[in-house]
Every structure is written in structure tokens, then in C-alpha cells.
Amino acid sequence: MRPTKTIYRFLEDKDRDQITKLWNATDIPKFPTSYPEIVAERDGEIIGFLAIHHNQECVLVEPMLCQGRATYWGLWHALEAIFKSIGVTNYSFRLEPHRVAHERLANSRVKKGELRSLGYYKGYMWYERAVA
């Protein structure tokens, strides 16, 4: 039986164990996250997670933990809905250099006019996106 719908919603305390399992399956180091923390849920299972992380230079959208492209973009659109509701009109994000598949996907969105490439800076590829 194929799942019919993925739900994007705010993280709840009951989701923490599944998020830990997703995160442990990656090479991304653990760090504190903050609001908004969004999960992608399908048939009761958490299949994706996105959060905000503050560092000394900026506010980062990380980690983003998911497998499929559709879930990846679903998490982005859920985050953008929050951005739009608080008046954000555009934002920048970076991709780590070894995330080749993610960079390929982002570059395909540049070609479609959905993202603007800002180039490489300090080892990361940066992009800008308008909130529609």
C-alpha cells in the first residue's frame, strides 16, 4: 500500500525519538535547534525534519534531514509559509560542498528562476530565494 499524503507540521515532544533516529543516520553533528522545527510525517512515521540553528554569523536553516526530493521541497515550502506569515520576503541559504545531490537540485531550481545563485563563499554554495 502506497502512502497517500505527507503531512508537514510543527515538531511535538512525541517526535523526538524518531528525529534522533533520523539524525543518527547522517554525518551531521548534533547541535541545539530552535523554532520553527518542522517534521514531515507519513503514515505515522517521521520521514523528514527541518529546524533553525543559530551560529555567530547568521541564522541557518539546519539540519534538514530527509531522503526524497518531494519531502525536501515540502519542508522548504512549510518553512516558507512560516516566513511569509512573519513578513520575511526573501532569505539566503547555503549547501555544504559534499551535498552534491542537493546542489544539483538547487541548481535546477536556479535554471527555473526559483532560486538565485550567490556563488561560493567560505567553502559553501549560497543561494537566495524570494518568499512567494
N, C-alpha and C. Protein backbone atom coordinates (compact mmCIF):
# COMPACT_ATOMS: atom_id res chain seq x y z
N MET A 1 0.84 -1.19 0.00
CA MET A 1 0.00 0.00 0.00
C MET A 1 0.88 1.24 0.00
N ARG A 2 0.67 2.12 -0.95
CA ARG A 2 1.44 3.37 -1.04
C ARG A 2 0.80 4.44 -0.17
N PRO A 3 1.65 5.23 0.51
CA PRO A 3 1.09 6.33 1.29
C PRO A 3 0.44 7.35 0.37
N THR A 4 -0.60 7.97 0.85
CA THR A 4 -1.31 8.92 0.01
C THR A 4 -0.96 10.37 0.33
N LYS A 5 -0.43 10.62 1.53
CA LYS A 5 -0.23 12.01 1.89
C LYS A 5 0.89 12.17 2.91
N THR A 6 1.70 13.19 2.70
CA THR A 6 2.70 13.59 3.68
C THR A 6 2.19 14.84 4.36
N ILE A 7 2.25 14.85 5.68
CA ILE A 7 1.79 15.99 6.47
C ILE A 7 3.02 16.73 6.98
N TYR A 8 3.02 18.04 6.82
CA TYR A 8 4.09 18.89 7.34
C TYR A 8 3.52 19.67 8.51
N ARG A 9 4.18 19.54 9.67
CA ARG A 9 3.65 20.15 10.88
C ARG A 9 4.80 20.48 11.82
N PHE A 10 4.47 21.23 12.88
CA PHE A 10 5.47 21.55 13.89
C PHE A 10 5.85 20.31 14.68
N LEU A 11 7.11 20.26 15.10
CA LEU A 11 7.62 19.18 15.92
C LEU A 11 6.88 19.14 17.25
N GLU A 12 6.55 17.94 17.70
CA GLU A 12 5.96 17.73 19.02
C GLU A 12 6.92 16.88 19.84
N ASP A 13 6.80 16.93 21.16
CA ASP A 13 7.70 16.17 22.03
C ASP A 13 7.71 14.68 21.69
N LYS A 14 6.57 14.14 21.29
CA LYS A 14 6.49 12.71 20.97
C LYS A 14 7.34 12.33 19.76
N ASP A 15 7.78 13.32 18.97
CA ASP A 15 8.56 13.05 17.76
C ASP A 15 10.05 12.93 18.02
N ARG A 16 10.52 13.30 19.19
CA ARG A 16 11.96 13.42 19.46
C ARG A 16 12.73 12.12 19.18
N ASP A 17 12.19 10.98 19.57
CA ASP A 17 12.90 9.71 19.34
C ASP A 17 13.09 9.44 17.85
N GLN A 18 12.06 9.71 17.05
CA GLN A 18 12.18 9.49 15.61
C GLN A 18 13.16 10.48 14.98
N ILE A 19 13.18 11.72 15.47
CA ILE A 19 14.13 12.71 14.96
C ILE A 19 15.56 12.28 15.29
N THR A 20 15.77 11.81 16.50
CA THR A 20 17.09 11.32 16.90
C THR A 20 17.55 10.19 15.98
N LYS A 21 16.64 9.29 15.66
CA LYS A 21 16.97 8.18 14.76
C LYS A 21 17.34 8.69 13.37
N LEU A 22 16.57 9.64 12.84
CA LEU A 22 16.90 10.23 11.54
C LEU A 22 18.27 10.89 11.57
N TRP A 23 18.52 11.68 12.61
CA TRP A 23 19.76 12.42 12.73
C TRP A 23 20.95 11.48 12.89
N ASN A 24 20.78 10.41 13.66
CA ASN A 24 21.87 9.45 13.86
C ASN A 24 22.28 8.75 12.57
N ALA A 25 21.38 8.71 11.60
CA ALA A 25 21.67 8.06 10.32
C ALA A 25 22.48 8.95 9.38
N THR A 26 22.82 10.17 9.81
CA THR A 26 23.57 11.11 8.97
C THR A 26 24.96 11.35 9.56
N ASP A 27 25.75 12.12 8.82
CA ASP A 27 27.06 12.54 9.31
C ASP A 27 27.01 13.96 9.88
N ILE A 28 25.83 14.49 10.09
CA ILE A 28 25.67 15.85 10.60
C ILE A 28 25.83 15.85 12.11
N PRO A 29 26.77 16.66 12.64
CA PRO A 29 26.94 16.70 14.10
C PRO A 29 25.69 17.24 14.80
N LYS A 30 25.49 16.83 16.02
CA LYS A 30 24.33 17.29 16.81
C LYS A 30 24.58 18.70 17.35
N PHE A 31 23.54 19.51 17.38
CA PHE A 31 23.59 20.85 17.95
C PHE A 31 22.17 21.23 18.32
N PRO A 32 22.00 22.23 19.19
CA PRO A 32 20.65 22.65 19.57
C PRO A 32 19.93 23.29 18.39
N THR A 33 18.65 23.02 18.28
CA THR A 33 17.82 23.65 17.24
C THR A 33 16.77 24.52 17.91
N SER A 34 16.14 25.36 17.10
CA SER A 34 15.11 26.23 17.66
C SER A 34 13.98 26.40 16.65
N TYR A 35 12.94 27.08 17.09
CA TYR A 35 11.73 27.33 16.29
C TYR A 35 12.09 28.05 15.00
N PRO A 36 11.46 27.72 13.91
CA PRO A 36 10.48 26.65 13.77
C PRO A 36 11.16 25.31 13.51
N GLU A 37 10.67 24.29 14.16
CA GLU A 37 11.10 22.91 13.93
C GLU A 37 9.93 22.21 13.25
N ILE A 38 10.14 21.73 12.04
CA ILE A 38 9.07 21.18 11.22
C ILE A 38 9.38 19.72 10.90
N VAL A 39 8.37 18.88 10.96
CA VAL A 39 8.53 17.48 10.58
C VAL A 39 7.66 17.17 9.38
N ALA A 40 8.11 16.18 8.61
CA ALA A 40 7.31 15.60 7.54
C ALA A 40 6.89 14.22 8.05
N GLU A 41 5.59 13.98 8.10
CA GLU A 41 5.06 12.73 8.64
C GLU A 41 4.24 12.02 7.58
N ARG A 42 4.47 10.72 7.46
CA ARG A 42 3.70 9.90 6.52
C ARG A 42 3.34 8.60 7.23
N ASP A 43 2.07 8.31 7.29
CA ASP A 43 1.58 7.08 7.92
C ASP A 43 2.12 6.91 9.34
N GLY A 44 2.18 8.01 10.09
CA GLY A 44 2.63 7.97 11.48
C GLY A 44 4.13 7.93 11.68
N GLU A 45 4.89 7.91 10.59
CA GLU A 45 6.35 7.87 10.68
C GLU A 45 6.94 9.21 10.26
N ILE A 46 7.91 9.70 11.02
CA ILE A 46 8.60 10.94 10.67
C ILE A 46 9.62 10.61 9.58
N ILE A 47 9.44 11.21 8.40
CA ILE A 47 10.33 10.94 7.28
C ILE A 47 11.23 12.13 6.95
N GLY A 48 11.03 13.24 7.65
CA GLY A 48 11.86 14.41 7.42
C GLY A 48 11.78 15.38 8.57
N PHE A 49 12.80 16.22 8.67
CA PHE A 49 12.91 17.18 9.77
C PHE A 49 13.71 18.39 9.30
N LEU A 50 13.25 19.56 9.68
CA LEU A 50 13.94 20.81 9.36
C LEU A 50 13.84 21.71 10.58
N ALA A 51 14.91 22.44 10.86
CA ALA A 51 14.90 23.35 12.01
C ALA A 51 15.80 24.54 11.74
N ILE A 52 15.78 25.47 12.65
CA ILE A 52 16.64 26.65 12.62
C ILE A 52 17.76 26.44 13.62
N HIS A 53 18.95 26.90 13.24
CA HIS A 53 20.13 26.80 14.11
C HIS A 53 20.83 28.16 14.08
N HIS A 54 21.13 28.68 15.23
CA HIS A 54 21.81 29.98 15.32
C HIS A 54 23.30 29.75 15.50
N ASN A 55 24.13 30.45 14.69
CA ASN A 55 25.56 30.46 14.96
C ASN A 55 26.02 31.91 15.07
N GLN A 56 27.31 32.15 15.17
CA GLN A 56 27.80 33.51 15.40
C GLN A 56 27.64 34.42 14.20
N GLU A 57 27.52 33.85 12.99
CA GLU A 57 27.44 34.65 11.79
C GLU A 57 26.02 34.92 11.31
N CYS A 58 25.13 33.97 11.53
CA CYS A 58 23.79 34.13 10.96
C CYS A 58 22.84 33.09 11.56
N VAL A 59 21.61 33.13 11.11
CA VAL A 59 20.63 32.10 11.46
C VAL A 59 20.59 31.14 10.28
N LEU A 60 20.79 29.87 10.55
CA LEU A 60 20.85 28.87 9.50
C LEU A 60 19.63 27.96 9.54
N VAL A 61 19.19 27.55 8.36
CA VAL A 61 18.17 26.51 8.28
C VAL A 61 18.94 25.19 8.24
N GLU A 62 19.10 24.60 9.40
CA GLU A 62 19.75 23.30 9.51
C GLU A 62 19.43 22.69 10.85
N PRO A 63 19.34 21.41 10.94
CA PRO A 63 19.57 20.46 9.86
C PRO A 63 18.32 20.29 9.00
N MET A 64 18.50 19.73 7.83
CA MET A 64 17.39 19.28 7.01
C MET A 64 17.64 17.81 6.76
N LEU A 65 16.84 16.99 7.38
CA LEU A 65 17.02 15.55 7.32
C LEU A 65 15.86 14.92 6.57
N CYS A 66 16.11 14.40 5.38
CA CYS A 66 15.08 13.70 4.63
C CYS A 66 15.74 12.98 3.47
N GLN A 67 15.02 12.07 2.86
CA GLN A 67 15.57 11.27 1.77
C GLN A 67 15.14 11.77 0.39
N GLY A 68 13.87 11.94 0.19
CA GLY A 68 13.38 12.23 -1.15
C GLY A 68 13.27 13.70 -1.47
N ARG A 69 13.32 13.99 -2.77
CA ARG A 69 13.21 15.38 -3.24
C ARG A 69 11.86 16.00 -2.89
N ALA A 70 10.80 15.22 -3.00
CA ALA A 70 9.47 15.77 -2.70
C ALA A 70 9.38 16.17 -1.23
N THR A 71 9.93 15.37 -0.34
CA THR A 71 9.92 15.70 1.08
C THR A 71 10.79 16.92 1.34
N TYR A 72 11.93 16.98 0.68
CA TYR A 72 12.85 18.12 0.79
C TYR A 72 12.13 19.42 0.46
N TRP A 73 11.46 19.44 -0.70
CA TRP A 73 10.76 20.67 -1.10
C TRP A 73 9.51 20.92 -0.25
N GLY A 74 8.87 19.86 0.20
CA GLY A 74 7.73 20.05 1.10
C GLY A 74 8.13 20.73 2.39
N LEU A 75 9.28 20.34 2.94
CA LEU A 75 9.79 21.00 4.15
C LEU A 75 10.12 22.47 3.88
N TRP A 76 10.74 22.75 2.73
CA TRP A 76 11.04 24.15 2.37
C TRP A 76 9.76 24.98 2.29
N HIS A 77 8.76 24.45 1.63
CA HIS A 77 7.51 25.20 1.47
C HIS A 77 6.81 25.42 2.81
N ALA A 78 6.89 24.46 3.71
CA ALA A 78 6.32 24.64 5.05
C ALA A 78 7.06 25.75 5.78
N LEU A 79 8.39 25.77 5.66
CA LEU A 79 9.18 26.84 6.29
C LEU A 79 8.85 28.19 5.68
N GLU A 80 8.70 28.23 4.36
CA GLU A 80 8.38 29.49 3.70
C GLU A 80 7.01 30.02 4.10
N ALA A 81 6.07 29.14 4.36
CA ALA A 81 4.75 29.59 4.84
C ALA A 81 4.90 30.31 6.18
N ILE A 82 5.78 29.80 7.03
CA ILE A 82 6.04 30.47 8.31
C ILE A 82 6.73 31.80 8.06
N PHE A 83 7.75 31.79 7.21
CA PHE A 83 8.44 33.04 6.88
C PHE A 83 7.46 34.09 6.38
N LYS A 84 6.60 33.69 5.45
CA LYS A 84 5.63 34.63 4.88
C LYS A 84 4.71 35.19 5.95
N SER A 85 4.30 34.35 6.89
CA SER A 85 3.37 34.79 7.94
C SER A 85 4.00 35.82 8.88
N ILE A 86 5.34 35.86 8.95
CA ILE A 86 6.00 36.84 9.82
C ILE A 86 6.65 37.98 9.04
N GLY A 87 6.37 38.05 7.73
CA GLY A 87 6.81 39.18 6.93
C GLY A 87 8.15 39.06 6.25
N VAL A 88 8.75 37.88 6.24
CA VAL A 88 10.02 37.68 5.54
C VAL A 88 9.73 37.65 4.04
N THR A 89 10.49 38.41 3.25
CA THR A 89 10.26 38.47 1.80
C THR A 89 11.28 37.67 1.00
N ASN A 90 12.47 37.47 1.55
CA ASN A 90 13.46 36.61 0.90
C ASN A 90 14.46 36.13 1.95
N TYR A 91 15.22 35.12 1.59
CA TYR A 91 16.21 34.57 2.51
C TYR A 91 17.33 33.93 1.70
N SER A 92 18.46 33.74 2.35
CA SER A 92 19.61 33.08 1.75
C SER A 92 19.87 31.77 2.48
N PHE A 93 20.43 30.82 1.77
CA PHE A 93 20.82 29.56 2.41
C PHE A 93 22.07 29.02 1.74
N ARG A 94 22.75 28.12 2.44
CA ARG A 94 23.99 27.54 1.93
C ARG A 94 23.89 26.03 1.90
N LEU A 95 24.68 25.45 1.01
CA LEU A 95 24.78 23.99 0.93
C LEU A 95 26.23 23.60 1.15
N GLU A 96 26.43 22.56 1.92
CA GLU A 96 27.78 22.05 2.13
C GLU A 96 28.29 21.44 0.83
N PRO A 97 29.60 21.56 0.58
CA PRO A 97 30.13 21.13 -0.72
C PRO A 97 29.96 19.64 -1.02
N HIS A 98 29.89 18.79 -0.02
CA HIS A 98 29.77 17.35 -0.30
C HIS A 98 28.31 16.92 -0.49
N ARG A 99 27.38 17.84 -0.43
CA ARG A 99 25.96 17.51 -0.66
C ARG A 99 25.64 17.70 -2.15
N VAL A 100 26.24 16.87 -2.96
CA VAL A 100 26.17 17.00 -4.41
C VAL A 100 24.74 16.93 -4.93
N ALA A 101 23.96 15.98 -4.45
CA ALA A 101 22.58 15.83 -4.93
C ALA A 101 21.75 17.07 -4.58
N HIS A 102 21.96 17.63 -3.40
CA HIS A 102 21.22 18.83 -3.02
C HIS A 102 21.63 20.03 -3.88
N GLU A 103 22.92 20.13 -4.17
CA GLU A 103 23.38 21.23 -5.01
C GLU A 103 22.84 21.08 -6.43
N ARG A 104 22.80 19.87 -6.93
CA ARG A 104 22.25 19.62 -8.26
C ARG A 104 20.77 20.04 -8.30
N LEU A 105 20.03 19.69 -7.26
CA LEU A 105 18.62 20.08 -7.19
C LEU A 105 18.48 21.60 -7.12
N ALA A 106 19.29 22.24 -6.29
CA ALA A 106 19.23 23.70 -6.18
C ALA A 106 19.57 24.36 -7.51
N ASN A 107 20.59 23.86 -8.20
CA ASN A 107 20.96 24.45 -9.48
C ASN A 107 19.87 24.27 -10.53
N SER A 108 19.12 23.17 -10.45
CA SER A 108 17.99 23.01 -11.37
C SER A 108 16.92 24.06 -11.08
N ARG A 109 16.78 24.46 -9.82
CA ARG A 109 15.82 25.50 -9.44
C ARG A 109 16.32 26.88 -9.85
N VAL A 110 17.64 27.06 -9.91
CA VAL A 110 18.20 28.32 -10.42
C VAL A 110 17.81 28.47 -11.89
N LYS A 111 17.95 27.39 -12.66
CA LYS A 111 17.61 27.42 -14.08
C LYS A 111 16.14 27.73 -14.31
N LYS A 112 15.29 27.31 -13.38
CA LYS A 112 13.85 27.58 -13.49
C LYS A 112 13.48 28.96 -12.95
N GLY A 113 14.44 29.68 -12.40
CA GLY A 113 14.18 31.01 -11.86
C GLY A 113 13.61 31.01 -10.45
N GLU A 114 13.62 29.87 -9.78
CA GLU A 114 13.07 29.79 -8.42
C GLU A 114 14.09 30.16 -7.35
N LEU A 115 15.37 30.09 -7.70
CA LEU A 115 16.46 30.47 -6.79
C LEU A 115 17.43 31.36 -7.54
N ARG A 116 18.22 32.12 -6.79
CA ARG A 116 19.31 32.89 -7.37
C ARG A 116 20.60 32.41 -6.74
N SER A 117 21.57 32.05 -7.57
CA SER A 117 22.86 31.60 -7.07
C SER A 117 23.67 32.81 -6.62
N LEU A 118 24.21 32.74 -5.41
CA LEU A 118 25.07 33.80 -4.89
C LEU A 118 26.54 33.42 -4.96
N GLY A 119 26.84 32.21 -5.42
CA GLY A 119 28.22 31.75 -5.58
C GLY A 119 28.78 31.11 -4.32
N TYR A 120 30.07 30.79 -4.40
CA TYR A 120 30.76 30.15 -3.28
C TYR A 120 31.33 31.20 -2.34
N TYR A 121 31.23 30.92 -1.05
CA TYR A 121 31.81 31.79 -0.03
C TYR A 121 32.19 30.92 1.16
N LYS A 122 33.45 30.97 1.54
CA LYS A 122 33.97 30.21 2.69
C LYS A 122 33.61 28.72 2.63
N GLY A 123 33.73 28.14 1.43
CA GLY A 123 33.52 26.71 1.27
C GLY A 123 32.10 26.24 1.08
N TYR A 124 31.16 27.16 1.01
CA TYR A 124 29.75 26.80 0.85
C TYR A 124 29.19 27.45 -0.41
N MET A 125 28.25 26.77 -1.04
CA MET A 125 27.49 27.35 -2.15
C MET A 125 26.27 28.02 -1.55
N TRP A 126 26.07 29.31 -1.88
CA TRP A 126 24.98 30.10 -1.32
C TRP A 126 23.93 30.40 -2.39
N TYR A 127 22.67 30.43 -1.95
CA TYR A 127 21.53 30.73 -2.82
C TYR A 127 20.61 31.72 -2.11
N GLU A 128 19.80 32.40 -2.92
CA GLU A 128 18.78 33.29 -2.38
C GLU A 128 17.44 32.90 -2.99
N ARG A 129 16.40 33.01 -2.19
CA ARG A 129 15.06 32.67 -2.67
C ARG A 129 14.07 33.70 -2.15
N ALA A 130 13.18 34.15 -3.02
CA ALA A 130 12.10 35.04 -2.62
C ALA A 130 10.96 34.21 -2.05
N VAL A 131 10.31 34.74 -1.04
CA VAL A 131 9.15 34.07 -0.44
C VAL A 131 7.93 34.53 -1.21
N ALA A 132 7.27 33.59 -1.88
CA ALA A 132 6.11 33.95 -2.72
C ALA A 132 4.83 33.92 -1.93
